[in-house]
């Protein structure tokens, strides 16, 4: 006669209880990890867009603008995505004849991304036309900043020194 292999009902219930407890304990930590990874990813994305725009302005010896475009005009709706284009006439809008270098993906609509102006424009020598400022991205209680200096240098400011994202 062959031995019967398998789990008893009691063993199955104990495994399910232990699994449920581990999942219940682990989910909040996992959500925090996801939030932190999203912050890092968005911070890197903003920084990369700025670095890309700066390098393109120097390469093309032209003005390059970074902004969220809606109907070919720069707006302050940064959460809708970041676009990069050659802005030959420096009017802050994407006109016919100007080249769209990069069209950005939208960010999570539950988060907040703020910047003091509607756009950042790089000059042919890699500087920005305005003054230094910081992109502020918040997801829940966590935040990250990307500072851009007048020289055109962009750097991530982990945690951010700002208190809100508005």
Protein backbone atom coordinates (compact mmCIF):
# COMPACT_ATOMS: atom_id res chain seq x y z
CA UNK A 1 0.00 0.00 0.00
CA UNK A 2 1.24 3.51 -0.88
CA UNK A 3 1.54 6.31 1.65
CA UNK A 4 -0.80 9.24 1.03
CA UNK A 5 1.05 12.47 0.41
CA UNK A 6 -0.34 15.96 0.89
CA UNK A 7 -1.27 18.52 3.48
CA UNK A 8 -3.75 18.11 6.24
CA UNK A 9 -6.43 20.74 6.68
CA UNK A 10 -4.73 21.95 9.88
CA UNK A 11 -1.38 22.42 8.09
CA UNK A 12 -3.07 24.34 5.28
CA UNK A 13 -4.86 26.67 7.73
CA UNK A 14 -1.62 27.37 9.64
CA UNK A 15 0.23 28.20 6.39
CA UNK A 16 -2.60 30.53 5.30
CA UNK A 17 -2.62 32.32 8.69
CA UNK A 18 1.16 32.83 8.63
CA UNK A 19 1.04 34.03 5.00
CA UNK A 20 -1.75 36.49 5.80
CA UNK A 21 0.19 37.90 8.75
CA UNK A 22 3.36 38.33 6.70
CA UNK A 23 1.48 40.07 3.88
CA UNK A 24 -0.35 42.35 6.33
CA UNK A 25 2.92 43.37 7.95
CA UNK A 26 4.82 43.73 4.67
CA UNK A 27 2.38 45.77 2.55
CA UNK A 28 2.86 49.16 4.30
CA UNK A 29 6.63 48.83 3.99
CA UNK A 30 6.27 47.87 0.35
CA UNK A 31 4.09 50.91 -0.35
CA UNK A 32 6.75 53.15 1.21
CA UNK A 33 9.36 51.50 -1.00
CA UNK A 34 7.23 52.10 -4.10
CA UNK A 35 6.74 55.75 -3.11
CA UNK A 36 10.48 56.24 -2.56
CA UNK A 37 11.31 54.62 -5.90
CA UNK A 38 8.77 56.84 -7.66
CA UNK A 39 10.37 59.93 -6.09
CA UNK A 40 13.83 58.88 -7.21
CA UNK A 41 12.58 58.05 -10.70
CA UNK A 42 10.76 61.36 -11.16
CA UNK A 43 13.71 63.35 -9.78
CA UNK A 44 16.04 61.62 -12.24
CA UNK A 45 13.59 62.16 -15.10
CA UNK A 46 13.35 65.91 -14.45
CA UNK A 47 17.12 66.20 -14.10
CA UNK A 48 17.70 64.19 -17.29
CA UNK A 49 15.26 66.39 -19.26
CA UNK A 50 17.09 69.51 -18.08
CA UNK A 51 20.51 68.04 -18.88
CA UNK A 52 19.26 66.93 -22.30
CA UNK A 53 17.88 70.40 -23.07
CA UNK A 54 21.10 72.06 -21.98
CA UNK A 55 23.23 69.78 -24.15
CA UNK A 56 20.92 70.34 -27.13
CA UNK A 57 21.07 74.13 -26.74
CA UNK A 58 24.87 73.97 -26.90
CA UNK A 59 24.86 71.42 -29.75
CA UNK A 60 22.38 73.36 -31.91
CA UNK A 61 23.72 76.77 -30.80
CA UNK A 62 20.11 77.79 -30.26
CA UNK A 63 17.62 78.46 -27.49
CA UNK A 64 15.98 75.32 -26.12
CA UNK A 65 12.89 75.48 -23.91
CA UNK A 66 11.68 72.93 -21.37
CA UNK A 67 8.02 73.17 -20.39
CA UNK A 68 4.68 71.37 -20.32
CA UNK A 69 3.06 72.10 -23.70
CA UNK A 70 -0.69 72.42 -24.09
CA UNK A 71 -1.92 73.54 -27.51
CA UNK A 72 1.71 74.41 -28.37
CA UNK A 73 1.97 76.93 -25.51
CA UNK A 74 3.97 76.53 -22.29
CA UNK A 75 1.77 76.22 -19.21
CA UNK A 76 2.39 75.69 -15.50
CA UNK A 77 0.76 72.23 -15.55
CA UNK A 78 4.08 70.42 -15.02
CA UNK A 79 2.41 67.18 -13.89
CA UNK A 80 1.14 66.72 -17.48
CA UNK A 81 4.67 66.00 -18.71
CA UNK A 82 7.80 67.85 -19.73
CA UNK A 83 8.48 68.71 -23.37
CA UNK A 84 11.75 69.95 -24.85
CA UNK A 85 11.87 71.96 -28.07
CA UNK A 86 14.07 74.39 -29.97
CA UNK A 87 12.57 77.83 -29.34
CA UNK A 88 14.23 79.86 -32.10
CA UNK A 89 12.15 82.98 -31.50
CA UNK A 90 12.26 82.63 -27.68
CA UNK A 91 8.53 83.21 -27.28
CA UNK A 92 7.84 80.21 -25.01
CA UNK A 93 5.59 78.49 -27.51
CA UNK A 94 6.18 75.67 -29.94
CA UNK A 95 5.73 77.24 -33.38
CA UNK A 96 5.76 75.69 -36.83
CA UNK A 97 9.31 75.27 -38.01
CA UNK A 98 10.62 74.67 -34.49
CA UNK A 99 11.82 71.18 -33.61
CA UNK A 100 10.25 69.15 -30.80
CA UNK A 101 13.24 67.29 -29.37
CA UNK A 102 11.47 65.30 -26.68
CA UNK A 103 7.93 64.80 -25.48
CA UNK A 104 7.67 63.69 -21.87
CA UNK A 105 5.40 61.17 -20.22
CA UNK A 106 2.79 62.32 -17.76
CA UNK A 107 3.54 62.04 -14.07
CA UNK A 108 1.19 60.47 -11.52
CA UNK A 109 -1.86 62.76 -11.36
CA UNK A 110 -2.21 62.12 -7.60
CA UNK A 111 1.17 63.78 -7.02
CA UNK A 112 2.21 67.42 -7.31
CA UNK A 113 4.97 68.93 -9.44
CA UNK A 114 5.54 72.67 -9.14
CA UNK A 115 7.99 75.18 -10.57
CA UNK A 116 7.91 78.99 -10.20
CA UNK A 117 7.62 79.68 -13.95
CA UNK A 118 5.99 78.10 -16.99
CA UNK A 119 9.29 77.21 -18.64
CA UNK A 120 13.05 76.96 -18.47
CA UNK A 121 14.94 78.23 -21.50
CA UNK A 122 18.59 77.42 -22.15
CA UNK A 123 20.78 79.82 -24.14
CA UNK A 124 23.25 78.64 -26.80
CA UNK A 125 26.02 78.70 -24.18
CA UNK A 126 24.07 76.42 -21.79
CA UNK A 127 22.90 79.01 -19.24
CA UNK A 128 19.25 79.57 -18.38
CA UNK A 129 17.52 82.83 -19.24
CA UNK A 130 15.89 83.29 -15.83
CA UNK A 131 17.16 82.95 -12.31
CA UNK A 132 17.93 79.80 -10.33
CA UNK A 133 14.88 77.84 -9.17
CA UNK A 134 13.77 74.43 -7.90
CA UNK A 135 11.30 71.88 -9.23
CA UNK A 136 9.29 70.52 -6.29
CA UNK A 137 7.74 67.05 -6.57
CA UNK A 138 5.57 65.67 -3.77
CA UNK A 139 3.90 62.31 -3.35
CA UNK A 140 2.07 62.05 -0.05
CA UNK A 141 4.39 63.23 2.73
CA UNK A 142 7.54 62.55 0.70
CA UNK A 143 9.16 65.12 -1.55
CA UNK A 144 12.15 65.67 -3.79
CA UNK A 145 13.54 68.73 -5.51
CA UNK A 146 15.57 69.35 -8.63
CA UNK A 147 17.45 72.65 -8.48
CA UNK A 148 18.62 74.41 -11.60
CA UNK A 149 21.30 77.06 -11.30
CA UNK A 150 21.77 80.05 -13.61
CA UNK A 151 24.74 78.18 -15.10
CA UNK A 152 22.28 75.52 -16.33
CA UNK A 153 23.47 72.87 -13.90
CA UNK A 154 20.65 70.71 -12.54
CA UNK A 155 20.98 68.65 -9.38
CA UNK A 156 18.66 66.54 -7.27
CA UNK A 157 17.94 67.83 -3.79
CA UNK A 158 16.87 64.73 -1.86
CA UNK A 159 14.09 65.45 0.61
CA UNK A 160 13.91 69.02 -0.55
CA UNK A 161 14.32 72.08 1.61
CA UNK A 162 10.80 73.26 0.82
CA UNK A 163 7.75 72.69 2.98
CA UNK A 164 5.12 72.28 0.28
CA UNK A 165 4.71 71.70 -3.43
CA UNK A 166 2.41 74.60 -4.28
